[in-house]
Amino acid sequence: MSTNFMISVLAAAAAATLGAGCNGTECADGTIEQDGQCVPASDDPSAANCGEGTVLGDSGQCESEMPPTVCGENTIEDTETIPGVITCVGTGGAGSCADPLPCPSAGANKVTVCGRLFDIETDARIDDGITASCDLDNPTDTGPCQLQISFYDALDFAGNPTGAAKLTPQNFRMDQCGRYVAENVPRPSLGFLGVAVDDHPDAPDDHRLTGVAFPVTSGQVRNNQSTYVVLESTNVAWSTDPDVNFGANTFVNRGVFMSIFRHGNDPVAGVTVTSNGSVRAVDDYYFTDTVATTRVNTAPAGPTGVNGSALLLGSALVEHSGTGGEPSGCVWPSDLAASIPGVLFFNPRIAETAGGAECP
């Protein structure tokens, strides 16, 4: 073997080694090297050459053996958490709008409130029929995501509804079904929690400030809380009814307490609202509607009609209840409430036994 031939062989081997170390292309399963690049293994149509999770497709290329990712209801595609992988991430919806949201427990000296929004005039749910969560910083022009729910010490709210300090839940979410969950709201020192609903500051101003209050204990979970709000158009209709005719000085402008007297879920006729144990015939108003779930036509004389509803003006922060129409063996409960200027203060009364249980 000549010296020149040996040198040529060594040089060729060295060049091959250098080329593999600097310019070599390593291709993953399911691909092959072609002109220095990895391409689908279409030039070698054999299932054996397709990598894990792929099969030889009709095109002669290796394809995923799973169908394309399609994210279902209440989920969206996430391609950032795992680059190159489509993951379906929940958007916060739960079942259908007919289902309540799960209501979590509450910690010591906290309260969890879970509920749903309703329209006072019609008793209808405020519901867009979509289970996706509201963007709390970007309200919609209509529907539940137009509204803002806030929590207060009810006694502070009664004294200063626009200046009372809000109680911030640990977690809060609301969805386009009009359902909400307020987890671990700080319990007010005197035990009366207020829930207020109005339009979000960045949404159209279609509603009036509406509040409800109830006593709460440490660690209480108050589930299925029906939370009502009144449209300004409803307030104007009540106030300009020919039998009332307040004009621009509307019920809400004056401040009005409202109650619906119910036996279970059914409104009760024949009830007269009371304030501090007394009837105030000059300040109470009722409805003449003939449909139990409609509250449109107001009248200056009672008692309650088929919708079981009453309005009371000019009442201080005292016990409010009713008299008349009590189911057999039952009474109307009495709770603190008030007529607060600029607010519709809503507190339904559910008939109960003398021992405080709901009336059977």
Protein backbone atom coordinates (compact mmCIF):
# COMPACT_ATOMS: atom_id res chain seq x y z
CA MET A 1 0.00 0.00 0.00
CA SER A 2 1.52 3.30 -1.04
CA THR A 3 1.98 6.21 1.29
CA ASN A 4 -0.11 8.49 -0.96
CA PHE A 5 -3.07 6.04 -0.91
CA MET A 6 -2.96 5.81 2.90
CA ILE A 7 -3.03 9.59 3.21
CA SER A 8 -6.03 9.78 0.89
CA VAL A 9 -7.99 7.24 2.97
CA LEU A 10 -7.25 9.03 6.22
CA ALA A 11 -8.21 12.39 4.77
CA ALA A 12 -11.55 11.05 3.53
CA ALA A 13 -12.30 9.54 6.95
CA ALA A 14 -11.41 12.77 8.70
CA ALA A 15 -13.65 14.76 6.38
CA ALA A 16 -16.57 12.41 7.03
CA THR A 17 -16.04 12.68 10.79
CA LEU A 18 -15.88 16.47 10.72
CA GLY A 19 -18.96 16.63 8.54
CA ALA A 20 -20.95 14.44 10.90
CA GLY A 21 -19.88 16.46 13.95
CA CYS A 22 -20.59 19.91 12.47
CA ASN A 23 -23.22 19.53 9.82
CA GLY A 24 -24.94 16.20 10.51
CA THR A 25 -28.76 16.25 10.80
CA GLU A 26 -30.49 13.99 13.33
CA CYS A 27 -34.16 13.47 12.44
CA ALA A 28 -36.91 12.43 14.84
CA ASP A 29 -39.07 9.38 14.41
CA GLY A 30 -41.45 9.74 11.51
CA THR A 31 -39.10 11.96 9.51
CA ILE A 32 -36.04 11.41 7.35
CA GLU A 33 -33.09 13.57 6.32
CA GLN A 34 -33.34 14.98 2.84
CA ASP A 35 -30.87 17.52 1.46
CA GLY A 36 -29.76 18.37 4.98
CA GLN A 37 -33.31 18.85 6.36
CA CYS A 38 -35.80 16.64 8.21
CA VAL A 39 -38.94 16.02 6.17
CA PRO A 40 -41.95 13.72 6.61
CA ALA A 41 -41.07 10.15 5.79
CA SER A 42 -43.11 10.19 2.58
CA ASP A 43 -40.17 8.90 0.61
CA ASP A 44 -40.05 5.78 2.73
CA PRO A 45 -43.76 4.80 3.07
CA SER A 46 -43.52 2.22 5.79
CA ALA A 47 -45.48 2.23 9.06
CA ALA A 48 -42.33 1.00 10.76
CA ASN A 49 -40.69 4.38 10.10
CA CYS A 50 -43.44 6.37 11.88
CA GLY A 51 -42.68 7.44 15.43
CA GLU A 52 -44.70 6.92 18.61
CA GLY A 53 -48.18 8.43 18.40
CA THR A 54 -48.13 8.55 14.59
CA VAL A 55 -49.33 6.30 11.82
CA LEU A 56 -48.74 6.15 8.11
CA GLY A 57 -51.47 8.27 6.55
CA ASP A 58 -53.17 8.05 3.16
CA SER A 59 -50.87 10.78 1.94
CA GLY A 60 -47.86 8.52 2.49
CA GLN A 61 -46.68 10.69 5.37
CA CYS A 62 -46.60 10.00 9.11
CA GLU A 63 -49.62 11.61 10.81
CA SER A 64 -50.96 11.77 14.36
CA GLU A 65 -53.04 8.75 15.23
CA MET A 66 -55.35 10.98 17.33
CA PRO A 67 -57.94 13.27 15.70
CA PRO A 68 -57.32 17.03 15.73
CA THR A 69 -57.92 18.64 19.11
CA VAL A 70 -61.42 20.11 19.45
CA CYS A 71 -62.09 21.88 22.75
CA GLY A 72 -65.61 21.45 24.09
CA GLU A 73 -68.02 23.80 25.86
CA ASN A 74 -66.51 25.92 28.66
CA THR A 75 -62.95 25.32 27.39
CA ILE A 76 -60.48 27.10 25.15
CA GLU A 77 -57.27 26.03 23.37
CA ASP A 78 -54.02 26.67 25.24
CA THR A 79 -50.88 26.34 23.06
CA GLU A 80 -48.54 28.32 25.33
CA THR A 81 -48.27 26.22 28.49
CA ILE A 82 -46.78 23.28 26.52
CA PRO A 83 -45.40 24.69 23.26
CA GLY A 84 -46.63 22.73 20.28
CA VAL A 85 -49.27 20.90 22.28
CA ILE A 86 -52.94 21.92 22.28
CA THR A 87 -54.43 21.67 25.77
CA CYS A 88 -58.11 22.36 26.52
CA VAL A 89 -58.44 24.68 29.51
CA GLY A 90 -61.70 25.34 31.36
CA THR A 91 -63.19 28.85 31.28
CA GLY A 92 -65.14 28.52 34.51
CA GLY A 93 -68.50 27.24 33.32
CA ALA A 94 -70.25 24.40 35.10
CA GLY A 95 -72.89 22.25 33.47
CA SER A 96 -75.89 24.13 32.15
CA CYS A 97 -77.34 27.40 33.40
CA ALA A 98 -80.02 25.42 35.21
CA ASP A 99 -77.39 24.01 37.59
CA PRO A 100 -76.07 25.99 40.56
CA LEU A 101 -72.34 26.56 40.82
CA PRO A 102 -70.46 24.60 43.49
CA CYS A 103 -70.50 26.61 46.72
CA PRO A 104 -67.25 26.28 48.72
CA SER A 105 -66.90 26.28 52.49
CA ALA A 106 -66.13 29.39 54.54
CA GLY A 107 -63.36 29.97 57.04
CA ALA A 108 -63.57 31.29 60.59
CA ASN A 109 -65.20 34.72 60.77
CA LYS A 110 -65.91 34.48 57.03
CA VAL A 111 -69.06 33.89 54.99
CA THR A 112 -69.47 32.32 51.56
CA VAL A 113 -72.44 33.49 49.48
CA CYS A 114 -73.52 31.75 46.27
CA GLY A 115 -76.51 32.89 44.29
CA ARG A 116 -78.16 34.00 41.11
CA LEU A 117 -79.40 37.30 39.68
CA PHE A 118 -83.10 38.00 39.13
CA ASP A 119 -85.11 40.88 37.70
CA ILE A 120 -87.56 42.36 40.20
CA GLU A 121 -90.27 43.25 37.68
CA THR A 122 -90.58 39.82 36.07
CA ASP A 123 -89.01 37.38 38.57
CA ALA A 124 -87.00 36.14 35.58
CA ARG A 125 -83.38 35.06 35.83
CA ILE A 126 -80.89 37.52 34.36
CA ASP A 127 -79.28 34.93 32.14
CA ASP A 128 -77.47 34.97 28.79
CA GLY A 129 -77.59 31.19 28.61
CA ILE A 130 -73.79 30.85 28.43
CA THR A 131 -71.78 29.23 31.20
CA ALA A 132 -68.56 31.15 30.50
CA SER A 133 -67.32 33.46 33.25
CA CYS A 134 -67.75 37.22 33.10
CA ASP A 135 -64.67 39.39 32.64
CA LEU A 136 -65.11 41.46 35.79
CA ASP A 137 -62.98 44.30 34.43
CA ASN A 138 -64.67 44.49 31.03
CA PRO A 139 -68.46 44.47 31.39
CA THR A 140 -70.92 43.81 28.60
CA ASP A 141 -73.66 46.25 27.60
CA THR A 142 -76.46 43.89 28.64
CA GLY A 143 -77.03 40.73 30.63
CA PRO A 144 -75.50 39.58 33.91
CA CYS A 145 -71.98 40.70 32.94
CA GLN A 146 -73.30 44.28 32.79
CA LEU A 147 -73.85 44.15 36.55
CA GLN A 148 -71.55 44.45 39.54
CA ILE A 149 -72.15 42.71 42.88
CA SER A 150 -70.65 44.20 46.05
CA PHE A 151 -70.67 43.18 49.71
CA TYR A 152 -71.00 45.40 52.77
CA ASP A 153 -71.62 45.57 56.46
CA ALA A 154 -75.39 46.03 56.04
CA LEU A 155 -75.61 48.60 58.85
CA ASP A 156 -72.82 50.71 57.34
CA PHE A 157 -74.53 50.46 53.95
CA ALA A 158 -77.87 51.59 55.42
CA GLY A 159 -76.21 54.68 56.85
CA ASN A 160 -74.14 55.56 53.77
CA PRO A 161 -74.89 53.40 50.71
CA THR A 162 -72.50 55.25 48.38
CA GLY A 163 -69.68 55.64 50.89
CA ALA A 164 -69.68 52.41 52.90
CA ALA A 165 -66.51 50.32 52.70
CA LYS A 166 -66.81 47.21 50.59
CA LEU A 167 -66.04 43.78 51.99
CA THR A 168 -63.79 41.94 49.54
CA PRO A 169 -64.25 38.18 49.06
CA GLN A 170 -61.17 35.99 48.91
CA ASN A 171 -62.43 34.74 45.55
CA PHE A 172 -65.30 35.98 43.41
CA ARG A 173 -66.64 34.90 40.06
CA MET A 174 -69.81 35.45 38.10
CA ASP A 175 -70.88 33.90 34.84
CA GLN A 176 -73.12 34.67 31.92
CA CYS A 177 -75.85 32.51 33.47
CA GLY A 178 -76.15 35.17 36.19
CA ARG A 179 -74.67 32.85 38.83
CA TYR A 180 -72.04 34.05 41.29
CA VAL A 181 -69.79 32.69 44.02
CA ALA A 182 -68.32 34.95 46.71
CA GLU A 183 -65.94 32.88 48.80
CA ASN A 184 -64.80 33.96 52.27
CA VAL A 185 -66.40 37.38 52.56
CA PRO A 186 -65.33 38.98 55.88
CA ARG A 187 -68.22 38.68 58.35
CA PRO A 188 -69.45 42.10 59.59
CA SER A 189 -68.85 42.69 63.28
CA LEU A 190 -72.56 42.85 64.12
CA GLY A 191 -73.40 39.96 61.83
CA PHE A 192 -75.54 41.62 59.15
CA LEU A 193 -74.24 41.19 55.60
CA GLY A 194 -75.46 43.37 52.74
CA VAL A 195 -75.32 42.43 49.05
CA ALA A 196 -75.70 45.29 46.58
CA VAL A 197 -76.23 45.09 42.81
CA ASP A 198 -75.91 47.88 40.27
CA ASP A 199 -74.50 48.47 36.80
CA HIS A 200 -70.74 48.15 36.46
CA PRO A 201 -69.23 51.68 36.31
CA ASP A 202 -68.10 51.02 32.72
CA ALA A 203 -71.48 49.61 31.58
CA PRO A 204 -74.69 51.38 30.49
CA ASP A 205 -76.59 52.84 33.45
CA ASP A 206 -79.82 50.83 33.09
CA HIS A 207 -80.39 49.69 36.68
CA ARG A 208 -80.78 51.25 40.11
CA LEU A 209 -78.81 50.30 43.20
CA THR A 210 -80.59 47.35 44.81
CA GLY A 211 -79.63 45.81 48.13
CA VAL A 212 -80.52 42.84 50.30
CA ALA A 213 -79.37 42.11 53.85
CA PHE A 214 -79.45 39.11 56.17
CA PRO A 215 -77.84 37.92 59.41
CA VAL A 216 -74.81 35.62 59.05
CA THR A 217 -72.71 33.54 61.39
CA SER A 218 -69.00 32.75 61.34
CA GLY A 219 -68.19 30.08 58.76
CA GLN A 220 -71.69 30.15 57.24
CA VAL A 221 -72.32 29.07 53.65
CA ARG A 222 -75.38 30.83 52.25
CA ASN A 223 -76.24 28.99 49.07
CA ASN A 224 -78.94 29.63 46.43
CA GLN A 225 -79.25 33.29 47.40
CA SER A 226 -81.78 34.91 45.06
CA THR A 227 -80.33 38.36 44.38
CA TYR A 228 -82.66 40.89 42.79
CA VAL A 229 -81.98 44.11 40.89
CA VAL A 230 -84.41 46.69 39.52
CA LEU A 231 -84.28 48.35 36.12
CA GLU A 232 -84.64 52.12 36.03
CA SER A 233 -87.44 51.63 33.49
CA THR A 234 -89.30 49.55 36.08
CA ASN A 235 -88.76 52.18 38.76
CA VAL A 236 -90.13 54.88 36.43
CA ALA A 237 -93.15 52.74 35.50
CA TRP A 238 -94.01 52.20 39.17
CA SER A 239 -93.59 55.87 39.96
CA THR A 240 -95.61 57.23 37.04
CA ASP A 241 -98.52 54.80 37.29
CA PRO A 242 -101.73 56.91 37.22
CA ASP A 243 -102.69 55.65 40.69
CA VAL A 244 -99.38 56.88 42.11
CA ASN A 245 -97.96 59.59 39.83
CA PHE A 246 -94.78 60.58 41.67
CA GLY A 247 -93.28 62.02 38.51
CA ALA A 248 -89.50 62.43 38.61
CA ASN A 249 -89.31 61.85 42.36
CA THR A 250 -89.39 58.08 41.93
CA PHE A 251 -89.68 55.29 44.48
CA VAL A 252 -85.93 54.61 44.33
CA ASN A 253 -85.03 58.30 44.47
CA ARG A 254 -87.04 58.57 47.67
CA GLY A 255 -85.73 55.28 49.01
CA VAL A 256 -88.00 52.25 49.16
CA PHE A 257 -88.18 49.01 51.10
CA MET A 258 -89.69 46.11 49.13
CA SER A 259 -90.78 42.68 50.25
CA ILE A 260 -92.42 39.67 48.63
CA PHE A 261 -94.40 37.57 51.10
CA ARG A 262 -94.17 33.90 50.23
CA HIS A 263 -95.28 30.53 51.52
CA GLY A 264 -92.48 28.37 50.21
CA ASN A 265 -92.07 29.59 46.63
CA ASP A 266 -95.64 30.85 46.26
CA PRO A 267 -96.49 34.54 46.75
CA VAL A 268 -99.24 35.24 49.28
CA ALA A 269 -102.11 37.71 48.84
CA GLY A 270 -103.73 39.59 51.71
CA VAL A 271 -100.58 40.77 53.53
CA THR A 272 -99.99 44.31 54.78
CA VAL A 273 -96.37 45.35 55.27
CA THR A 274 -95.35 46.57 58.75
CA SER A 275 -92.53 48.75 60.06
CA ASN A 276 -91.50 48.39 63.71
CA GLY A 277 -94.69 46.39 64.25
CA SER A 278 -97.04 49.03 62.83
CA VAL A 279 -98.94 49.47 59.59
CA ARG A 280 -98.14 52.75 57.82
CA ALA A 281 -101.05 53.23 55.47
CA VAL A 282 -99.77 56.57 54.14
CA ASP A 283 -96.42 55.14 53.00
CA ASP A 284 -97.19 51.62 51.77
CA TYR A 285 -97.92 50.65 48.16
CA TYR A 286 -98.90 47.41 46.47
CA PHE A 287 -99.46 45.93 43.01
CA THR A 288 -102.63 45.27 41.03
CA ASP A 289 -101.05 42.89 38.49
CA THR A 290 -102.98 39.71 37.83
CA VAL A 291 -99.92 37.53 37.16
CA ALA A 292 -97.99 36.25 40.17
CA THR A 293 -94.57 36.83 38.60
CA THR A 294 -95.22 40.34 37.29
CA ARG A 295 -94.78 43.61 39.22
CA VAL A 296 -95.70 46.58 37.04
CA ASN A 297 -98.92 48.30 38.17
CA THR A 298 -98.67 50.04 41.53
CA ALA A 299 -101.50 51.19 43.81
CA PRO A 300 -101.58 53.25 47.03
CA ALA A 301 -103.76 50.74 48.88
CA GLY A 302 -103.22 47.19 50.06
CA PRO A 303 -103.01 44.46 50.98
CA THR A 304 -100.80 42.40 48.66
CA GLY A 305 -102.27 40.99 45.47
CA VAL A 306 -101.40 37.78 43.65
CA ASN A 307 -97.71 38.63 43.46
CA GLY A 308 -97.43 39.03 47.25
CA SER A 309 -95.40 42.24 46.88
CA ALA A 310 -95.34 45.48 48.86
CA LEU A 311 -93.39 48.76 48.80
CA LEU A 312 -92.77 51.02 51.80
CA LEU A 313 -91.41 54.57 51.80
CA GLY A 314 -89.82 56.60 54.57
CA SER A 315 -89.01 53.78 56.98
CA ALA A 316 -86.08 53.93 59.41
CA LEU A 317 -83.69 51.07 60.18
CA VAL A 318 -86.12 48.99 62.22
CA GLU A 319 -87.76 45.56 62.12
CA HIS A 320 -89.94 44.99 59.03
CA SER A 321 -92.53 42.28 58.66
CA GLY A 322 -96.16 41.84 57.65
CA THR A 323 -99.60 41.06 58.98
CA GLY A 324 -102.42 39.07 57.41
CA GLY A 325 -102.43 36.13 55.04
CA GLU A 326 -100.28 33.97 57.32
CA PRO A 327 -100.54 30.26 56.47
CA SER A 328 -102.15 28.20 59.24
CA GLY A 329 -99.86 27.88 62.26
CA CYS A 330 -97.21 30.20 60.77
CA VAL A 331 -96.01 33.80 61.08
CA TRP A 332 -94.17 36.34 58.94
CA PRO A 333 -90.53 36.72 60.05
CA SER A 334 -89.23 40.11 61.14
CA ASP A 335 -85.80 41.48 60.18
CA LEU A 336 -83.96 44.77 60.11
CA ALA A 337 -84.47 46.82 56.95
CA ALA A 338 -84.89 50.44 55.89
CA SER A 339 -86.00 52.80 53.16
CA ILE A 340 -82.69 54.31 52.00
CA PRO A 341 -82.71 57.24 49.52
CA GLY A 342 -81.33 56.15 46.15
CA VAL A 343 -81.72 52.45 46.95
CA LEU A 344 -84.33 49.73 46.56
CA PHE A 345 -83.83 47.66 49.71
CA PHE A 346 -85.24 44.21 48.96
CA ASN A 347 -86.02 41.65 51.66
CA PRO A 348 -88.47 38.83 50.95
CA ARG A 349 -90.37 37.26 53.84
CA ILE A 350 -90.88 33.48 53.83
CA ALA A 351 -93.60 32.24 56.21
CA GLU A 352 -92.18 30.26 59.13
CA THR A 353 -93.32 28.44 62.23
CA ALA A 354 -93.12 29.99 65.69
CA GLY A 355 -89.87 28.06 66.14
CA GLY A 356 -88.27 29.69 63.10
CA ALA A 357 -88.47 26.77 60.66
CA GLU A 358 -89.85 27.33 57.19
CA CYS A 359 -93.61 26.94 57.16
CA PRO A 360 -94.60 23.52 55.73
